[in-house]
N, C-alpha and C. Protein backbone atom coordinates (compact mmCIF):
# COMPACT_ATOMS: atom_id res chain seq x y z
N MET A 1 115.77 48.66 111.17
CA MET A 1 115.38 47.88 110.01
C MET A 1 114.23 46.94 110.35
N LEU A 2 114.28 46.29 111.49
CA LEU A 2 113.25 45.32 111.85
C LEU A 2 112.21 45.92 112.80
N ARG A 3 112.23 47.22 112.97
CA ARG A 3 111.32 47.83 113.93
C ARG A 3 109.86 47.73 113.49
N GLY A 4 109.61 47.70 112.21
CA GLY A 4 108.24 47.62 111.71
C GLY A 4 107.72 46.19 111.64
N LEU A 5 108.52 45.24 112.08
CA LEU A 5 108.13 43.82 112.02
C LEU A 5 107.12 43.53 113.11
N GLN A 6 105.98 43.01 112.71
CA GLN A 6 104.91 42.71 113.65
C GLN A 6 104.70 41.19 113.73
N GLY A 7 103.82 40.78 114.62
CA GLY A 7 103.57 39.37 114.84
C GLY A 7 103.13 38.62 113.59
N TRP A 8 102.26 39.23 112.83
CA TRP A 8 101.77 38.54 111.63
C TRP A 8 102.86 38.41 110.57
N HIS A 9 103.84 39.30 110.58
CA HIS A 9 104.97 39.17 109.68
C HIS A 9 105.76 37.90 110.00
N LEU A 10 105.96 37.66 111.29
CA LEU A 10 106.69 36.47 111.71
C LEU A 10 105.95 35.19 111.33
N ILE A 11 104.63 35.23 111.42
CA ILE A 11 103.82 34.06 111.03
C ILE A 11 103.99 33.79 109.54
N ILE A 12 103.96 34.82 108.73
CA ILE A 12 104.14 34.65 107.28
C ILE A 12 105.52 34.08 106.98
N ILE A 13 106.54 34.58 107.66
CA ILE A 13 107.91 34.07 107.46
C ILE A 13 107.98 32.60 107.84
N ALA A 14 107.35 32.22 108.95
CA ALA A 14 107.35 30.82 109.39
C ALA A 14 106.65 29.93 108.36
N VAL A 15 105.54 30.39 107.82
CA VAL A 15 104.81 29.60 106.81
C VAL A 15 105.66 29.42 105.57
N VAL A 16 106.35 30.47 105.14
CA VAL A 16 107.21 30.37 103.96
C VAL A 16 108.32 29.35 104.20
N PHE A 17 108.94 29.36 105.39
CA PHE A 17 109.98 28.37 105.71
C PHE A 17 109.42 26.96 105.67
N VAL A 18 108.24 26.76 106.21
CA VAL A 18 107.65 25.41 106.20
C VAL A 18 107.37 24.97 104.77
N LEU A 19 106.87 25.87 103.96
CA LEU A 19 106.59 25.52 102.57
C LEU A 19 107.87 25.24 101.78
N LEU A 20 108.92 26.00 102.03
CA LEU A 20 110.17 25.81 101.30
C LEU A 20 110.92 24.56 101.73
N PHE A 21 111.03 24.36 103.03
CA PHE A 21 111.89 23.29 103.53
C PHE A 21 111.12 22.05 103.98
N GLY A 22 109.85 22.15 104.21
CA GLY A 22 109.08 21.02 104.69
C GLY A 22 109.16 20.89 106.19
N ALA A 23 108.11 20.42 106.81
CA ALA A 23 108.03 20.35 108.26
C ALA A 23 109.02 19.34 108.83
N LYS A 24 109.38 18.32 108.07
CA LYS A 24 110.29 17.29 108.58
C LYS A 24 111.74 17.76 108.62
N LYS A 25 112.11 18.66 107.72
CA LYS A 25 113.50 19.11 107.66
C LYS A 25 113.79 20.25 108.61
N LEU A 26 112.79 20.95 109.09
CA LEU A 26 113.01 22.11 109.95
C LEU A 26 113.72 21.78 111.25
N PRO A 27 113.33 20.71 111.98
CA PRO A 27 114.07 20.40 113.21
C PRO A 27 115.54 20.07 112.95
N ASP A 28 115.82 19.36 111.86
CA ASP A 28 117.21 19.05 111.52
C ASP A 28 117.99 20.31 111.18
N SER A 29 117.34 21.22 110.46
CA SER A 29 117.99 22.48 110.10
C SER A 29 118.26 23.31 111.35
N ALA A 30 117.30 23.36 112.25
CA ALA A 30 117.47 24.13 113.48
C ALA A 30 118.60 23.54 114.33
N LYS A 31 118.69 22.23 114.37
CA LYS A 31 119.76 21.57 115.12
C LYS A 31 121.12 21.89 114.51
N SER A 32 121.21 21.87 113.19
CA SER A 32 122.47 22.19 112.51
C SER A 32 122.88 23.64 112.77
N ILE A 33 121.92 24.54 112.72
CA ILE A 33 122.21 25.95 112.96
C ILE A 33 122.68 26.14 114.40
N ALA A 34 122.03 25.48 115.34
CA ALA A 34 122.41 25.60 116.74
C ALA A 34 123.84 25.08 116.97
N GLN A 35 124.17 23.96 116.35
CA GLN A 35 125.52 23.42 116.48
C GLN A 35 126.56 24.36 115.86
N SER A 36 126.22 24.94 114.73
CA SER A 36 127.14 25.88 114.08
C SER A 36 127.37 27.11 114.95
N LEU A 37 126.31 27.63 115.56
CA LEU A 37 126.45 28.78 116.45
C LEU A 37 127.29 28.44 117.67
N LYS A 38 127.10 27.23 118.20
CA LYS A 38 127.87 26.80 119.36
C LYS A 38 129.36 26.73 119.02
N ILE A 39 129.68 26.18 117.87
CA ILE A 39 131.08 26.09 117.43
C ILE A 39 131.63 27.49 117.19
N PHE A 40 130.85 28.36 116.57
CA PHE A 40 131.29 29.73 116.29
C PHE A 40 131.58 30.47 117.58
N LYS A 41 130.70 30.37 118.57
CA LYS A 41 130.91 31.05 119.85
C LYS A 41 132.17 30.52 120.54
N LYS A 42 132.39 29.21 120.48
CA LYS A 42 133.58 28.62 121.09
C LYS A 42 134.84 29.14 120.42
N GLU A 43 134.84 29.21 119.10
CA GLU A 43 136.00 29.71 118.38
C GLU A 43 136.25 31.19 118.68
N MET A 44 135.20 31.97 118.78
CA MET A 44 135.36 33.39 119.11
C MET A 44 135.95 33.55 120.51
N LYS A 45 135.49 32.73 121.45
CA LYS A 45 136.01 32.79 122.82
C LYS A 45 137.48 32.40 122.83
N ASP A 46 137.83 31.34 122.11
CA ASP A 46 139.23 30.91 122.03
C ASP A 46 140.10 31.99 121.39
N SER A 47 139.57 32.63 120.37
CA SER A 47 140.30 33.70 119.69
C SER A 47 140.55 34.87 120.63
N ASP A 48 139.54 35.25 121.40
CA ASP A 48 139.69 36.34 122.36
C ASP A 48 140.74 36.00 123.42
N GLU A 49 140.72 34.76 123.89
CA GLU A 49 141.70 34.35 124.89
C GLU A 49 143.12 34.37 124.31
N ASN A 50 143.27 33.97 123.07
CA ASN A 50 144.59 33.99 122.43
C ASN A 50 145.08 35.42 122.24
N GLU A 51 144.17 36.33 121.90
CA GLU A 51 144.56 37.74 121.74
C GLU A 51 145.00 38.33 123.07
N LYS A 52 144.32 37.97 124.14
CA LYS A 52 144.69 38.49 125.46
C LYS A 52 146.07 37.98 125.85
N LYS A 53 146.36 36.72 125.54
CA LYS A 53 147.68 36.17 125.85
C LYS A 53 148.76 36.86 125.03
N ASP A 54 148.46 37.15 123.77
CA ASP A 54 149.44 37.81 122.89
C ASP A 54 149.65 39.27 123.30
N ASP A 55 148.64 39.92 123.84
CA ASP A 55 148.74 41.33 124.23
C ASP A 55 149.39 41.53 125.59
N SER A 56 149.53 40.47 126.34
CA SER A 56 150.11 40.61 127.67
C SER A 56 151.57 41.04 127.56
N PRO A 57 152.02 41.92 128.47
CA PRO A 57 153.41 42.39 128.40
C PRO A 57 154.39 41.25 128.64
N LYS A 58 155.41 41.23 127.83
CA LYS A 58 156.43 40.18 127.96
C LYS A 58 157.62 40.76 128.69
N THR A 59 158.13 40.01 129.63
CA THR A 59 159.29 40.47 130.41
C THR A 59 160.51 39.69 129.93
N ASP A 60 161.55 40.43 129.64
CA ASP A 60 162.82 39.79 129.23
C ASP A 60 163.72 39.70 130.46
N SER A 61 164.19 38.51 130.72
CA SER A 61 165.07 38.32 131.89
C SER A 61 166.48 38.16 131.45
C-alpha cells in the first residue's frame, strides 16, 4: 500500500499537518502520541505475561 510513497509525498503530508494543526501544537501532539504508544506497549507486555502465567500447567497436590 505504501510502496509508491516517495520523499516528496512525505513532505506534502508534513505541510498538510503543519497547516491543519499549527507548528506550535505539533510537538505537544507528538509527545501525547509517544506517551500513548508507551502505555500501549506496556499494557501489551503485561497482557502477554498474564497469558503465559495462565497457560502454565497447574499441578494439583
